[in-house]
Protein backbone atom coordinates (compact mmCIF):
# COMPACT_ATOMS: atom_id res chain seq x y z
CA UNK A 1 5.60 5.58 10.18
CA UNK A 2 4.78 2.19 11.69
CA UNK A 3 3.76 -0.48 9.18
CA UNK A 4 1.43 -3.41 9.72
CA UNK A 5 4.29 -5.72 8.73
CA UNK A 6 6.72 -4.27 11.27
CA UNK A 7 7.66 -6.57 14.17
CA UNK A 8 6.74 -5.55 17.72
CA UNK A 9 8.98 -6.41 20.66
CA UNK A 10 7.34 -7.05 24.04
CA UNK A 11 8.93 -6.06 27.34
CA UNK A 12 9.08 -9.72 28.38
CA UNK A 13 11.29 -10.54 25.41
CA UNK A 14 8.99 -11.95 22.71
CA UNK A 15 8.79 -10.32 19.29
CA UNK A 16 5.57 -10.37 17.28
CA UNK A 17 6.29 -10.93 13.59
CA UNK A 18 3.72 -8.33 12.51
CA UNK A 19 1.01 -6.11 14.04
CA UNK A 20 -2.03 -8.38 13.53
CA UNK A 21 -3.58 -9.64 16.80
CA UNK A 22 -6.52 -12.04 17.07
CA UNK A 23 -9.22 -10.81 19.42
CA UNK A 24 -10.40 -13.17 22.19
CA UNK A 25 -13.65 -14.43 20.67
CA UNK A 26 -16.36 -16.37 22.50
CA UNK A 27 -17.35 -19.39 20.43
CA UNK A 28 -18.81 -22.05 22.80
CA UNK A 29 -17.06 -24.83 20.88
CA UNK A 30 -15.34 -26.69 23.72
CA UNK A 31 -16.76 -29.46 25.89
CA UNK A 32 -19.03 -28.78 28.91
CA UNK A 33 -16.17 -29.51 31.35
CA UNK A 34 -13.90 -27.01 29.59
CA UNK A 35 -11.68 -29.49 27.79
CA UNK A 36 -10.56 -28.52 24.31
CA UNK A 37 -12.56 -29.77 21.33
CA UNK A 38 -11.24 -30.45 17.84
CA UNK A 39 -13.53 -27.65 16.61
CA UNK A 40 -11.95 -25.02 18.87
CA UNK A 41 -8.49 -26.36 18.04
CA UNK A 42 -9.17 -25.97 14.32
CA UNK A 43 -10.66 -22.48 14.70
CA UNK A 44 -7.64 -21.12 16.57
CA UNK A 45 -4.86 -22.92 14.71
CA UNK A 46 -6.28 -21.77 11.38
CA UNK A 47 -5.79 -18.16 12.54
CA UNK A 48 -2.23 -18.85 13.65
CA UNK A 49 -1.47 -20.43 10.28
CA UNK A 50 -3.28 -17.53 8.59
CA UNK A 51 -0.61 -15.08 9.66
CA UNK A 52 -1.74 -13.61 12.97
CA UNK A 53 1.30 -12.61 15.02
CA UNK A 54 -0.58 -13.15 18.28
CA UNK A 55 -3.28 -15.81 18.53
CA UNK A 56 -5.48 -15.44 21.59
CA UNK A 57 -8.01 -17.92 22.92
CA UNK A 58 -11.57 -17.04 23.76
CA UNK A 59 -12.22 -15.76 27.25
CA UNK A 60 -11.18 -18.93 29.08
CA UNK A 61 -12.23 -19.83 32.61
CA UNK A 62 -9.72 -19.19 35.38
CA UNK A 63 -12.03 -20.63 38.05
CA UNK A 64 -14.73 -23.29 37.81
CA UNK A 65 -17.20 -21.12 39.72
CA UNK A 66 -16.61 -18.31 37.22
CA UNK A 67 -17.50 -20.12 33.99
CA UNK A 68 -19.42 -17.58 31.95
CA UNK A 69 -20.40 -19.33 28.70
CA UNK A 70 -21.62 -22.75 27.59
CA UNK A 71 -18.75 -24.65 26.00
CA UNK A 72 -16.14 -22.27 27.44
CA UNK A 73 -12.52 -23.34 27.14
CA UNK A 74 -11.11 -24.13 30.58
CA UNK A 75 -7.80 -23.30 32.25
CA UNK A 76 -9.02 -23.91 35.80
CA UNK A 77 -8.08 -27.58 36.23
CA UNK A 78 -5.15 -29.83 35.38
CA UNK A 79 -7.53 -32.08 33.44
CA UNK A 80 -7.46 -29.37 30.75
CA UNK A 81 -3.68 -29.59 30.28
CA UNK A 82 -3.57 -32.29 27.61
CA UNK A 83 -5.73 -30.34 25.17
CA UNK A 84 -4.14 -27.01 26.05
CA UNK A 85 -0.66 -28.40 25.44
CA UNK A 86 -1.74 -29.66 22.03
CA UNK A 87 -3.26 -26.26 21.19
CA UNK A 88 -0.27 -24.20 22.31
CA UNK A 89 2.17 -26.43 20.41
CA UNK A 90 0.32 -25.95 17.11
CA UNK A 91 -0.04 -22.18 17.51
CA UNK A 92 3.64 -21.89 18.40
CA UNK A 93 4.62 -24.11 15.47
CA UNK A 94 2.90 -21.63 13.13
CA UNK A 95 5.13 -18.84 14.43
CA UNK A 96 2.37 -17.09 16.34
CA UNK A 97 2.59 -15.83 19.93
CA UNK A 98 0.13 -18.02 21.86
CA UNK A 99 -1.94 -16.29 24.54
CA UNK A 100 -4.79 -17.34 26.79
CA UNK A 101 -7.32 -14.73 27.88
CA UNK A 102 -8.13 -15.50 31.52
CA UNK A 103 -11.70 -14.76 32.51
CA UNK A 104 -14.12 -14.99 35.42
CA UNK A 105 -17.80 -14.37 34.65
CA UNK A 106 -18.52 -12.68 37.99
CA UNK A 107 -21.98 -11.12 37.74
CA UNK A 108 -22.55 -13.12 34.57
CA UNK A 109 -21.32 -16.54 35.70
CA UNK A 110 -23.53 -19.43 34.63
CA UNK A 111 -23.91 -20.73 38.17
CA UNK A 112 -23.73 -18.85 41.46
CA UNK A 113 -23.10 -15.37 40.11
CA UNK A 114 -20.68 -13.47 42.31
CA UNK A 115 -19.69 -9.81 42.37
CA UNK A 116 -17.82 -7.32 44.55
CA UNK A 117 -21.23 -6.21 45.90
CA UNK A 118 -24.66 -7.80 45.76
CA UNK A 119 -26.78 -7.07 42.69
CA UNK A 120 -30.50 -7.87 42.92
CA UNK A 121 -31.15 -7.23 39.22
CA UNK A 122 -28.54 -9.78 38.15
CA UNK A 123 -29.14 -12.01 41.17
CA UNK A 124 -25.49 -11.85 42.19
CA UNK A 125 -24.17 -12.33 45.70
CA UNK A 126 -21.45 -10.19 47.22
CA UNK A 127 -18.12 -11.99 47.51
CA UNK A 128 -16.61 -12.52 50.92
CA UNK A 129 -13.05 -11.34 51.47
CA UNK A 130 -11.92 -14.96 51.36
CA UNK A 131 -13.70 -15.49 48.02
CA UNK A 132 -12.05 -12.37 46.56
CA UNK A 133 -8.60 -13.58 47.50
CA UNK A 134 -9.30 -17.13 46.30
CA UNK A 135 -10.44 -15.78 42.91
CA UNK A 136 -7.26 -13.71 42.70
CA UNK A 137 -5.23 -16.86 43.38
CA UNK A 138 -7.20 -18.84 40.76
CA UNK A 139 -6.20 -16.30 38.09
CA UNK A 140 -2.57 -16.73 39.11
CA UNK A 141 -2.82 -20.53 39.08
CA UNK A 142 -4.48 -20.48 35.65
CA UNK A 143 -1.61 -18.40 34.26
CA UNK A 144 0.84 -20.92 35.68
CA UNK A 145 -1.17 -23.71 34.04
CA UNK A 146 -1.02 -21.85 30.72
CA UNK A 147 2.75 -21.59 31.04
CA UNK A 148 3.00 -25.32 31.82
CA UNK A 149 0.93 -26.05 28.71
CA UNK A 150 3.39 -24.09 26.58
CA UNK A 151 1.50 -20.86 26.04
CA UNK A 152 3.69 -17.82 25.54
CA UNK A 153 1.54 -15.57 27.67
CA UNK A 154 -1.78 -14.58 29.22
CA UNK A 155 -4.19 -11.67 29.03
CA UNK A 156 -6.46 -10.68 31.91
CA UNK A 157 -10.07 -9.96 30.91
CA UNK A 158 -10.75 -6.70 32.73
CA UNK A 159 -13.58 -5.53 30.47
CA UNK A 160 -17.33 -5.73 29.82
CA UNK A 161 -18.65 -6.12 33.34
CA UNK A 162 -16.96 -9.43 34.16
CA UNK A 163 -15.29 -9.96 37.52
CA UNK A 164 -12.15 -7.83 37.19
CA UNK A 165 -14.12 -5.07 35.46
CA UNK A 166 -16.81 -5.12 38.14
CA UNK A 167 -14.18 -4.42 40.80
CA UNK A 168 -13.12 -1.33 38.81
CA UNK A 169 -16.70 -0.03 38.55
CA UNK A 170 -17.92 2.35 41.30
CA UNK A 171 -21.47 1.29 40.43
CA UNK A 172 -20.86 -2.45 40.82
CA UNK A 173 -18.24 -2.27 43.57
CA UNK A 174 -19.62 -0.72 46.76
CA UNK A 175 -17.34 -2.59 49.16
CA UNK A 176 -15.94 -0.85 52.23
CA UNK A 177 -12.87 -3.06 52.68
CA UNK A 178 -9.45 -3.09 51.01
CA UNK A 179 -11.02 -3.97 47.63
CA UNK A 180 -13.58 -1.17 47.42
CA UNK A 181 -14.07 2.54 47.92
CA UNK A 182 -11.72 4.90 46.11
CA UNK A 183 -10.37 4.06 42.61
CA UNK A 184 -7.06 2.77 43.96
CA UNK A 185 -8.74 0.22 46.23
CA UNK A 186 -11.18 -0.82 43.50
CA UNK A 187 -8.17 -1.52 41.27
CA UNK A 188 -6.42 -3.58 43.95
CA UNK A 189 -7.89 -6.89 42.73
CA UNK A 190 -6.47 -6.35 39.24
CA UNK A 191 -3.04 -5.23 40.39
CA UNK A 192 -2.68 -8.08 42.88
CA UNK A 193 -3.37 -10.51 40.02
CA UNK A 194 -0.76 -8.79 37.85
CA UNK A 195 1.81 -8.91 40.66
CA UNK A 196 0.96 -12.52 41.44
CA UNK A 197 1.32 -13.71 37.85
CA UNK A 198 4.58 -11.86 37.43
CA UNK A 199 5.94 -13.52 40.59
CA UNK A 200 4.66 -17.00 39.67
CA UNK A 201 5.71 -17.22 36.00
CA UNK A 202 9.03 -17.04 34.22
CA UNK A 203 10.39 -13.69 33.03
CA UNK A 204 9.69 -14.47 29.35
CA UNK A 205 5.96 -15.09 29.91
CA UNK A 206 4.02 -12.19 28.37
CA UNK A 207 1.16 -10.52 30.21
CA UNK A 208 -1.57 -8.23 28.89
CA UNK A 209 -4.74 -6.64 30.23
CA UNK A 210 -8.01 -5.99 28.38
CA UNK A 211 -9.88 -2.88 29.52
CA UNK A 212 -13.15 -1.30 28.42
CA UNK A 213 -13.59 2.41 29.23
CA UNK A 214 -17.40 2.60 29.21
CA UNK A 215 -20.61 0.77 30.27
CA UNK A 216 -21.21 -1.28 33.42
CA UNK A 217 -20.77 1.85 35.54
CA UNK A 218 -17.18 2.29 34.38
CA UNK A 219 -15.84 5.85 34.47
CA UNK A 220 -13.70 6.61 31.41
CA UNK A 221 -11.19 8.85 33.17
CA UNK A 222 -10.77 6.33 35.99
CA UNK A 223 -9.96 3.62 33.45
CA UNK A 224 -7.52 5.99 31.80
CA UNK A 225 -5.80 6.31 35.19
CA UNK A 226 -5.76 2.51 35.55
CA UNK A 227 -4.18 2.22 32.11
CA UNK A 228 -1.56 4.83 33.00
CA UNK A 229 -0.72 2.99 36.20
CA UNK A 230 -0.35 -0.29 34.31
CA UNK A 231 2.03 1.42 31.90
CA UNK A 232 3.97 3.21 34.64
CA UNK A 233 4.46 0.10 36.78
CA UNK A 234 5.93 -1.66 33.73
CA UNK A 235 4.89 -5.18 34.73
CA UNK A 236 2.77 -5.96 31.68
CA UNK A 237 3.59 -6.14 27.98
CA UNK A 238 0.48 -4.52 26.55
CA UNK A 239 -3.01 -3.17 27.12
CA UNK A 240 -5.87 -4.31 24.88
CA UNK A 241 -8.51 -1.55 24.68
CA UNK A 242 -11.95 -2.90 23.79
CA UNK A 243 -13.65 0.19 22.34
CA UNK A 244 -16.56 -1.30 20.31
CA UNK A 245 -15.66 1.25 17.62
CA UNK A 246 -12.11 2.63 17.45
CA UNK A 247 -13.38 5.86 15.85
CA UNK A 248 -16.25 6.66 18.23
CA UNK A 249 -16.50 9.54 20.68
CA UNK A 250 -17.02 8.88 24.40
CA UNK A 251 -20.53 8.35 25.75
CA UNK A 252 -19.77 10.88 28.49
CA UNK A 253 -20.90 14.23 27.05
CA UNK A 254 -18.23 16.08 29.04
CA UNK A 255 -15.53 14.15 27.18
CA UNK A 256 -16.91 14.46 23.66
CA UNK A 257 -15.30 16.44 20.86
CA UNK A 258 -12.49 13.92 20.39
CA UNK A 259 -12.27 10.16 20.00
CA UNK A 260 -12.49 7.80 22.94
CA UNK A 261 -9.25 6.24 21.69
CA UNK A 262 -7.36 9.51 22.04
CA UNK A 263 -7.73 9.47 25.82
CA UNK A 264 -5.51 6.38 25.86
CA UNK A 265 -3.08 6.98 23.00
CA UNK A 266 -1.95 10.19 24.74
CA UNK A 267 -0.71 8.29 27.82
CA UNK A 268 2.97 7.90 28.63
CA UNK A 269 3.30 4.22 27.83
CA UNK A 270 7.04 3.58 28.01
CA UNK A 271 7.60 0.05 26.73
CA UNK A 272 3.99 -1.05 27.22
CA UNK A 273 2.23 -1.83 23.94
CA UNK A 274 -1.26 -0.47 23.27
CA UNK A 275 -3.77 -2.18 21.01
CA UNK A 276 -7.38 -1.45 20.10
CA UNK A 277 -10.40 -3.47 19.01
CA UNK A 278 -13.65 -2.24 17.51
CA UNK A 279 -15.04 -2.35 13.95
CA UNK A 280 -11.71 -2.94 12.24
CA UNK A 281 -12.73 -4.56 8.96
CA UNK A 282 -10.18 -3.58 6.32
CA UNK A 283 -6.51 -2.98 5.66
CA UNK A 284 -7.17 0.75 5.80
CA UNK A 285 -8.93 0.39 9.16
CA UNK A 286 -5.82 -1.35 10.47
CA UNK A 287 -3.57 1.42 9.20
CA UNK A 288 -5.90 3.99 10.74
CA UNK A 289 -5.45 2.29 14.13
CA UNK A 290 -1.69 2.67 13.84
CA UNK A 291 -2.06 6.26 12.62
CA UNK A 292 -4.23 7.02 15.65
CA UNK A 293 -1.30 6.13 17.89
CA UNK A 294 -1.87 2.48 18.75
CA UNK A 295 0.78 -0.20 18.34
CA UNK A 296 -1.48 -2.88 16.89
CA UNK A 297 -5.06 -3.55 15.73
CA UNK A 298 -7.04 -6.36 17.39
CA UNK A 299 -9.31 -8.15 14.95
CA UNK A 300 -12.59 -9.85 15.81
CA UNK A 301 -15.28 -10.13 13.16
CA UNK A 302 -12.77 -9.62 10.35
CA UNK A 303 -10.80 -12.59 11.69
CA UNK A 304 -13.95 -14.70 11.82
CA UNK A 305 -14.63 -13.89 8.18
CA UNK A 306 -11.02 -14.39 7.05
CA UNK A 307 -8.78 -16.81 8.93
CA UNK A 308 -5.88 -15.46 6.84
CA UNK A 309 -6.71 -11.76 7.12
CA UNK A 310 -3.03 -10.80 7.64
CA UNK A 311 -2.02 -12.67 4.48
CA UNK A 312 -4.90 -11.08 2.57
CA UNK A 313 -3.68 -7.61 3.57
CA UNK A 314 -0.08 -8.47 2.70
CA UNK A 315 -1.27 -9.38 -0.79
CA UNK A 316 -3.64 -6.44 -1.21
CA UNK A 317 -3.15 -3.13 0.65
CA UNK A 318 -6.76 -2.24 -0.18
CA UNK A 319 -8.24 -5.47 1.17
CA UNK A 320 -11.69 -5.20 2.77
CA UNK A 321 -13.57 -7.99 4.54
CA UNK A 322 -16.35 -9.74 2.70
CA UNK A 323 -19.76 -8.11 3.15
CA UNK A 324 -22.16 -9.67 5.65
CA UNK A 325 -24.40 -11.56 5.99
CA UNK A 326 -22.49 -14.63 4.88
CA UNK A 327 -23.66 -18.21 4.50
CA UNK A 328 -23.19 -21.02 6.99
CA UNK A 329 -21.18 -22.83 4.30
CA UNK A 330 -18.81 -19.89 3.99
CA UNK A 331 -18.24 -19.79 7.76
CA UNK A 332 -17.69 -23.53 7.87
CA UNK A 333 -14.89 -23.02 5.34
CA UNK A 334 -13.37 -20.46 7.71
CA UNK A 335 -13.24 -22.98 10.54
CA UNK A 336 -16.50 -22.29 12.40
CA UNK A 337 -18.42 -25.28 13.70
CA UNK A 338 -22.25 -25.31 13.66
CA UNK A 339 -22.15 -24.33 17.35
CA UNK A 340 -20.04 -21.26 16.61
CA UNK A 341 -22.24 -20.33 13.65
CA UNK A 342 -25.28 -20.54 15.91
CA UNK A 343 -23.56 -18.24 18.41
CA UNK A 344 -22.78 -15.74 15.64
CA UNK A 345 -26.49 -15.49 14.86
CA UNK A 346 -26.66 -13.35 18.00
CA UNK A 347 -24.92 -10.66 15.93
CA UNK A 348 -27.63 -9.13 13.74
CA UNK A 349 -26.89 -9.36 10.04
CA UNK A 350 -23.78 -11.53 10.33
CA UNK A 351 -25.12 -14.94 9.22
CA UNK A 352 -27.58 -15.41 6.37
CA UNK A 353 -31.01 -16.65 7.35
CA UNK A 354 -31.57 -20.31 6.44
CA UNK A 355 -33.27 -20.94 3.12
CA UNK A 356 -37.01 -21.59 3.51
CA UNK A 357 -37.97 -25.24 3.42
């Protein structure tokens, strides 16, 4: 049986010291131009020092036109390199595998929303063929920039309706060129980015992909096929499945009667790792993820509540995250700035309401 303390070797050569992976968490703590702030530096380096084997940034911008959040960390310009180099060095020093999650807001970009096809509801314009290929190249350049900064690897954000995900969706992608139509052509954008990063970075640079198998018009079985192709082509180190709840059943009634996770753990993965995120809040939840057939749990809210969650579990096999809501003071002690705390108020019941004046 796999243990949470077992190391995990990636295809590219790196070895994670345990199975605890930090989820890419939006926090809006960096500067408006994407340069790293001390607050974001502290938040991430605390998790690396807290025992996470892989420390991943928030969804970070691969292209200036694709910025999706206020205060989003940037990887789209060389002006970001000084801060990124400082960040990577500290994460690496803590013995954690440093990873940037590369992101383009697409339909949900802050300015000039773009998508594979036009979307009146979200006021998004259809991308020209030239824009598609330029965005692909920006992802590749951002991965090269991450490597120059000293990051060990990159993950592509292919989930939750953002640009890569929208290309995979038959609802959002109604193109009739090489990047739209059947599932294989809709996946072309993603696979060209994978191929481009592999060609442009050194062999030891790790590469992962985040996928979500539901919502935004995504078809679960199509995403399962995408995941199988990623595994079969053997160019990436791992897939990060964002499931919202690792124990839930699919939304698609035809697929119910088993967990959503099981559609992916049954795939022939070869040497490609498979992780899952979604309501993992205790040591037992983490073990359940491994027992379900995944290689590692990906921790979001539990990692916000406990910067040293891996160390807590090592000291107590029955460890469970503190109950929410928690106070602003508590979160400040866990490395969250007031901006991040304000963002977390979007999650009902996570932060205590302020005391009445």
